N, C-alpha and C. Protein backbone atom coordinates (compact mmCIF):
# COMPACT_ATOMS: atom_id res chain seq x y z
N MET A 1 56.52 119.15 -58.14
CA MET A 1 57.68 119.01 -56.96
C MET A 1 58.33 117.99 -57.08
N MET A 2 59.45 117.96 -56.50
CA MET A 2 60.36 116.72 -56.85
C MET A 2 60.70 116.19 -55.39
N THR A 3 60.96 114.71 -55.43
CA THR A 3 61.28 114.28 -54.35
C THR A 3 62.72 114.01 -54.12
N ARG A 4 63.14 113.86 -52.69
CA ARG A 4 64.65 113.60 -52.49
C ARG A 4 65.24 112.44 -53.32
N GLU A 5 64.55 111.51 -53.46
CA GLU A 5 65.50 110.48 -54.04
C GLU A 5 65.32 110.93 -55.63
N ASP A 6 64.57 111.23 -56.14
CA ASP A 6 64.65 112.05 -57.40
C ASP A 6 65.46 113.13 -57.68
N LEU A 7 65.70 113.88 -56.87
CA LEU A 7 66.92 114.87 -56.83
C LEU A 7 68.25 113.81 -56.69
N LEU A 8 68.42 112.97 -55.59
CA LEU A 8 69.78 112.30 -55.55
C LEU A 8 70.27 111.50 -56.72
N ALA A 9 69.03 111.13 -57.50
CA ALA A 9 69.45 110.50 -58.83
C ALA A 9 69.83 111.42 -59.83
N LYS A 10 69.04 112.33 -60.15
CA LYS A 10 69.65 113.36 -60.83
C LYS A 10 70.90 113.97 -60.52
N LEU A 11 71.29 114.25 -59.30
CA LEU A 11 72.80 114.67 -58.74
C LEU A 11 73.83 113.70 -59.23
N GLN A 12 73.63 112.52 -59.07
CA GLN A 12 74.55 111.42 -59.64
C GLN A 12 74.63 111.55 -61.00
N ILE A 13 73.64 111.81 -61.82
CA ILE A 13 73.60 112.17 -63.41
C ILE A 13 74.63 113.12 -63.32
N TYR A 14 74.32 114.33 -62.78
CA TYR A 14 75.12 115.57 -62.75
C TYR A 14 76.37 115.08 -62.68
N LYS A 15 76.71 114.85 -61.77
CA LYS A 15 78.29 114.45 -61.17
C LYS A 15 78.75 113.43 -62.50
N LYS A 16 78.13 112.46 -62.93
CA LYS A 16 78.73 111.58 -64.12
C LYS A 16 78.94 112.54 -65.24
N GLU A 17 78.06 113.57 -65.62
CA GLU A 17 78.11 114.27 -66.53
C GLU A 17 79.27 115.23 -66.50
N ILE A 18 79.56 116.12 -65.41
CA ILE A 18 80.47 116.90 -65.21
C ILE A 18 82.10 116.32 -65.37
N TYR A 19 82.07 114.93 -64.65
CA TYR A 19 83.35 114.26 -65.23
C TYR A 19 83.34 113.87 -66.56
N ARG A 20 82.45 113.52 -67.02
CA ARG A 20 82.67 113.26 -68.45
C ARG A 20 83.23 114.31 -69.27
N ARG A 21 82.51 115.55 -68.96
CA ARG A 21 83.06 116.86 -69.83
C ARG A 21 84.46 117.12 -69.02
N ALA A 22 84.68 116.99 -68.08
CA ALA A 22 86.21 117.34 -67.54
C ALA A 22 87.01 116.51 -68.13
N TYR A 23 86.76 115.18 -68.48
CA TYR A 23 87.84 114.21 -69.51
C TYR A 23 87.82 115.07 -70.98
N LEU A 24 86.84 115.44 -71.50
CA LEU A 24 86.55 115.95 -72.88
C LEU A 24 87.46 117.07 -72.80
N LEU A 25 87.28 118.07 -71.62
CA LEU A 25 88.29 119.33 -71.48
C LEU A 25 89.51 118.66 -71.42
N LEU A 26 90.19 117.97 -70.79
CA LEU A 26 91.62 117.75 -70.81
C LEU A 26 91.96 117.03 -72.06
N PHE A 27 91.16 116.28 -72.94
CA PHE A 27 91.59 115.91 -74.03
C PHE A 27 91.68 117.09 -75.18
N ALA A 28 90.49 118.07 -74.71
CA ALA A 28 90.54 119.23 -75.84
C ALA A 28 91.77 120.11 -75.54
N ALA A 29 92.14 120.08 -74.26
CA ALA A 29 93.32 121.07 -73.92
C ALA A 29 94.78 120.35 -74.09
N PHE A 30 94.69 119.20 -74.31
CA PHE A 30 95.77 118.27 -74.76
C PHE A 30 96.16 118.47 -76.23
N LEU A 31 95.05 118.24 -77.16
CA LEU A 31 95.08 118.43 -78.37
C LEU A 31 95.45 119.66 -79.08
N PRO A 32 95.32 120.78 -78.61
CA PRO A 32 95.86 121.80 -79.30
C PRO A 32 97.17 122.31 -78.86
N LEU A 33 97.71 121.65 -77.85
CA LEU A 33 98.94 121.57 -77.25
C LEU A 33 99.80 120.73 -78.33
N VAL A 34 99.48 119.60 -78.91
CA VAL A 34 100.12 118.86 -79.39
C VAL A 34 100.37 119.46 -80.74
N ILE A 35 98.94 119.81 -81.39
CA ILE A 35 99.14 120.28 -82.67
C ILE A 35 99.99 121.66 -82.81
N VAL A 36 99.47 122.52 -81.93
CA VAL A 36 100.23 123.90 -82.10
C VAL A 36 101.78 124.07 -81.78
N PHE A 37 101.97 123.39 -80.58
CA PHE A 37 103.41 123.38 -80.23
C PHE A 37 104.60 122.30 -80.71
N PHE A 38 103.74 120.93 -81.22
CA PHE A 38 104.85 120.17 -81.39
C PHE A 38 104.76 119.99 -82.86
N GLY A 39 103.57 119.86 -83.62
CA GLY A 39 103.05 119.84 -84.67
C GLY A 39 103.68 121.08 -85.66
N VAL A 40 103.12 121.91 -85.37
CA VAL A 40 103.31 123.28 -86.28
C VAL A 40 104.88 123.73 -85.65
N GLY A 41 105.31 123.56 -84.55
CA GLY A 41 106.69 124.21 -84.14
C GLY A 41 107.87 123.29 -84.54
N ILE A 42 107.73 121.99 -84.77
CA ILE A 42 108.59 121.27 -85.40
C ILE A 42 108.90 121.14 -87.13
N THR A 43 107.58 121.17 -87.52
CA THR A 43 107.51 121.26 -88.90
C THR A 43 108.00 122.88 -89.60
N TYR A 44 107.65 123.58 -88.90
CA TYR A 44 107.97 124.94 -89.54
C TYR A 44 109.27 125.47 -88.74
N ASN A 45 110.03 124.96 -87.93
CA ASN A 45 111.16 125.27 -87.06
C ASN A 45 110.70 126.68 -86.49
N ILE A 46 109.75 126.46 -85.43
CA ILE A 46 109.31 127.75 -84.98
C ILE A 46 110.39 128.87 -84.17
N VAL A 47 111.20 128.10 -83.73
CA VAL A 47 112.34 128.72 -83.18
C VAL A 47 113.37 129.67 -84.32
N ALA A 48 113.45 129.06 -85.37
CA ALA A 48 114.16 129.71 -86.23
C ALA A 48 113.36 131.01 -86.80
N LEU A 49 112.06 130.94 -86.61
CA LEU A 49 111.29 132.03 -87.16
C LEU A 49 110.99 133.40 -86.48
N GLY A 50 111.59 133.13 -85.06
CA GLY A 50 111.99 134.34 -83.93
C GLY A 50 110.68 134.34 -83.18
N ILE A 51 110.91 135.55 -82.27
CA ILE A 51 109.90 135.65 -81.27
C ILE A 51 108.62 136.19 -81.71
N PRO A 52 108.39 136.97 -83.06
CA PRO A 52 106.77 137.10 -83.09
C PRO A 52 106.31 135.59 -83.46
N ALA A 53 106.69 134.60 -84.09
CA ALA A 53 106.03 133.57 -84.41
C ALA A 53 105.73 132.89 -83.23
N ILE A 54 106.89 132.96 -81.99
CA ILE A 54 106.45 132.24 -80.70
C ILE A 54 105.28 132.86 -80.21
N VAL A 55 105.22 134.28 -80.09
CA VAL A 55 104.03 134.91 -79.59
C VAL A 55 102.83 134.69 -80.24
N LEU A 56 102.81 134.45 -81.73
CA LEU A 56 101.69 134.11 -82.26
C LEU A 56 101.43 132.73 -81.81
N TYR A 57 101.90 131.71 -81.72
CA TYR A 57 101.81 130.52 -81.51
C TYR A 57 100.96 130.14 -79.98
N PHE A 58 101.83 131.26 -79.03
CA PHE A 58 101.38 131.17 -77.56
C PHE A 58 100.05 131.96 -77.55
N GLY A 59 99.89 132.86 -78.53
CA GLY A 59 98.69 133.56 -78.37
C GLY A 59 97.60 132.71 -78.97
N THR A 60 97.71 131.96 -79.85
CA THR A 60 96.59 131.08 -80.48
C THR A 60 96.38 130.04 -79.56
N PHE A 61 97.37 129.54 -78.78
CA PHE A 61 96.86 128.20 -77.81
C PHE A 61 96.01 128.81 -76.65
N THR A 62 96.37 130.14 -76.18
CA THR A 62 95.67 130.75 -75.06
C THR A 62 94.21 131.01 -75.56
N ILE A 63 94.14 131.65 -76.62
CA ILE A 63 92.90 131.93 -77.09
C ILE A 63 92.08 130.38 -77.28
N LEU A 64 92.45 129.46 -77.75
CA LEU A 64 91.77 128.05 -77.87
C LEU A 64 91.51 127.62 -76.58
N MET A 65 92.41 127.65 -75.61
CA MET A 65 92.04 127.30 -74.19
C MET A 65 91.28 128.14 -73.57
N GLY A 66 91.34 129.50 -73.77
CA GLY A 66 90.33 130.51 -73.11
C GLY A 66 88.81 129.90 -73.50
N GLY A 67 88.64 129.53 -74.76
CA GLY A 67 87.34 129.30 -75.45
C GLY A 67 86.85 128.00 -74.82
N ILE A 68 87.70 126.89 -74.86
CA ILE A 68 87.34 125.71 -74.41
C ILE A 68 86.94 125.77 -72.64
N ILE A 69 87.81 126.44 -72.20
CA ILE A 69 87.38 126.63 -70.46
C ILE A 69 86.06 127.40 -70.29
N TRP A 70 85.93 128.44 -71.23
CA TRP A 70 84.76 129.09 -71.24
C TRP A 70 83.49 128.36 -71.39
N TRP A 71 83.65 127.18 -72.57
CA TRP A 71 82.47 126.37 -72.98
C TRP A 71 82.38 125.35 -71.67
N PHE A 72 83.48 124.92 -70.98
CA PHE A 72 83.05 123.87 -70.08
C PHE A 72 82.42 124.73 -68.86
N ALA A 73 82.77 125.87 -68.52
CA ALA A 73 82.25 126.47 -67.25
C ALA A 73 80.62 126.65 -67.85
N SER A 74 80.34 127.38 -68.95
CA SER A 74 78.93 127.60 -69.21
C SER A 74 78.23 126.31 -69.49
N MET A 75 78.57 125.36 -69.60
CA MET A 75 78.10 123.50 -69.53
C MET A 75 77.88 123.35 -68.09
N VAL A 76 78.60 123.59 -67.20
CA VAL A 76 78.54 123.17 -65.96
C VAL A 76 77.47 124.14 -65.22
N LYS A 77 77.51 125.59 -65.64
CA LYS A 77 76.37 126.23 -65.07
C LYS A 77 75.09 126.09 -65.38
N THR A 78 74.77 126.26 -66.62
CA THR A 78 73.67 126.10 -67.11
C THR A 78 73.15 124.98 -67.96
N GLY A 79 74.05 124.48 -68.72
CA GLY A 79 73.81 123.43 -69.99
C GLY A 79 73.24 121.95 -69.11
N ILE A 80 74.24 121.51 -68.47
CA ILE A 80 74.07 120.55 -67.69
C ILE A 80 72.74 120.21 -66.73
N PRO A 81 72.66 121.48 -65.92
CA PRO A 81 71.42 121.47 -65.15
C PRO A 81 70.31 121.34 -66.07
N LYS A 82 70.29 122.14 -67.19
CA LYS A 82 69.07 122.03 -67.94
C LYS A 82 68.90 120.89 -68.81
N LYS A 83 69.88 120.01 -69.31
CA LYS A 83 69.79 118.83 -69.73
C LYS A 83 69.03 117.66 -68.84
N ILE A 84 69.50 117.95 -67.52
CA ILE A 84 68.91 116.83 -66.50
C ILE A 84 67.75 116.98 -65.63
N ASP A 85 67.29 118.47 -66.11
CA ASP A 85 66.00 119.00 -65.61
C ASP A 85 66.35 119.26 -63.93
N LEU A 86 67.55 119.84 -63.71
CA LEU A 86 67.70 120.66 -62.54
C LEU A 86 67.46 122.14 -62.45
N LEU A 87 66.37 122.69 -62.85
CA LEU A 87 66.14 124.04 -62.90
C LEU A 87 64.80 124.25 -62.31
N CYS A 88 64.74 125.13 -61.59
CA CYS A 88 63.61 125.82 -60.85
C CYS A 88 62.31 125.90 -61.80
N PRO A 89 61.10 125.33 -61.49
CA PRO A 89 60.13 125.83 -62.24
C PRO A 89 59.57 126.91 -62.39
N LYS A 90 60.01 127.84 -61.56
CA LYS A 90 59.39 129.28 -61.38
C LYS A 90 60.40 130.19 -62.05
N CYS A 91 61.85 130.02 -61.84
CA CYS A 91 62.60 131.03 -62.56
C CYS A 91 63.44 130.66 -63.19
N ASP A 92 63.45 129.44 -63.56
CA ASP A 92 64.38 128.79 -64.68
C ASP A 92 65.77 128.91 -64.47
N GLU A 93 66.25 128.78 -63.27
CA GLU A 93 67.49 129.02 -62.52
C GLU A 93 67.81 127.69 -62.20
N PRO A 94 69.16 127.36 -62.14
CA PRO A 94 69.78 126.01 -61.66
C PRO A 94 69.45 126.07 -60.15
N ILE A 95 69.04 124.96 -59.59
CA ILE A 95 68.72 124.88 -58.28
C ILE A 95 69.87 124.52 -57.27
N ILE A 96 70.83 124.08 -57.78
CA ILE A 96 72.12 123.67 -57.17
C ILE A 96 73.06 124.43 -57.02
N LYS A 97 72.61 125.98 -57.51
CA LYS A 97 73.66 126.86 -57.92
C LYS A 97 74.79 127.37 -56.91
N ASN A 98 74.69 127.13 -55.59
CA ASN A 98 75.62 127.90 -54.51
C ASN A 98 75.90 126.50 -53.70
N ASN A 99 74.91 125.91 -53.15
CA ASN A 99 75.46 124.70 -52.00
C ASN A 99 74.20 123.53 -52.14
N VAL A 100 74.59 122.48 -52.63
CA VAL A 100 73.73 121.19 -52.47
C VAL A 100 73.21 120.91 -51.21
N GLU A 101 74.00 120.84 -50.02
CA GLU A 101 73.79 120.67 -48.86
C GLU A 101 72.67 121.50 -48.24
N GLU A 102 72.80 122.62 -48.79
CA GLU A 102 71.85 123.95 -48.33
C GLU A 102 70.67 123.61 -48.92
N PHE A 103 70.65 123.46 -50.14
CA PHE A 103 69.23 123.03 -50.99
C PHE A 103 68.51 121.49 -50.32
N LEU A 104 69.47 120.56 -50.09
CA LEU A 104 68.60 119.57 -49.48
C LEU A 104 68.28 119.60 -48.04
N ALA A 105 68.80 120.97 -47.28
CA ALA A 105 68.15 120.98 -46.02
C ALA A 105 66.88 121.87 -45.95
N THR A 106 66.89 122.73 -47.05
CA THR A 106 65.81 123.61 -47.06
C THR A 106 64.85 123.20 -48.18
N GLY A 107 65.23 122.73 -49.25
CA GLY A 107 64.33 122.39 -50.34
C GLY A 107 63.72 123.42 -51.05
N VAL A 108 64.21 124.81 -51.04
CA VAL A 108 63.83 125.99 -51.94
C VAL A 108 65.00 126.48 -52.70
N CYS A 109 64.47 127.22 -53.65
CA CYS A 109 65.32 127.71 -55.02
C CYS A 109 66.16 128.81 -54.23
N CYS A 110 67.50 128.65 -54.51
CA CYS A 110 68.31 129.75 -53.96
C CYS A 110 68.03 131.17 -54.56
N GLN A 111 67.27 131.30 -55.75
CA GLN A 111 67.06 132.28 -56.58
C GLN A 111 65.95 133.21 -56.05
N CYS A 112 64.66 132.22 -56.12
CA CYS A 112 63.31 133.02 -56.00
C CYS A 112 62.69 132.38 -54.81
N GLY A 113 63.20 131.43 -53.87
CA GLY A 113 62.92 130.86 -52.74
C GLY A 113 61.54 130.12 -52.88
N THR A 114 61.26 129.51 -54.32
CA THR A 114 59.96 128.52 -54.29
C THR A 114 60.48 127.18 -53.83
N LYS A 115 59.69 126.62 -52.98
CA LYS A 115 59.51 125.35 -52.31
C LYS A 115 59.56 124.32 -53.45
N ILE A 116 60.79 123.52 -53.77
CA ILE A 116 60.74 122.76 -55.01
C ILE A 116 60.79 121.23 -54.40
N LEU A 117 61.35 120.92 -53.18
CA LEU A 117 61.37 119.59 -52.69
C LEU A 117 60.23 119.05 -51.82
N LYS A 118 59.60 118.13 -51.87
CA LYS A 118 58.57 117.32 -51.48
C LYS A 118 59.38 117.19 -49.95
N ASP A 119 58.53 116.90 -48.92
CA ASP A 119 59.04 116.67 -47.47
C ASP A 119 58.85 115.16 -47.39
């Protein structure tokens, strides 16, 4: 079982890790934008190549961004709680899935109902 102090310390780490990953996401979103639109577009004069080339570059950028956003969402949902041990010992699901305040009030897992917090 985990104490409230332990949980609050882990939540602080969780929050810092999410912010760190959000900054990585912003950088990762900006980098393909620069490479695809400015670097390739200016070098090969994308406008002169016509609409199919523009659609190809927009499609490439959209696929890259979709993959990066999917990675970020999966890290926030399962990767980070697993890394800092915010998983239920019984069902192995993140304990703060829906509402942190509700979990702090009840101290039970939102998935299986196991008591996790010591009073």
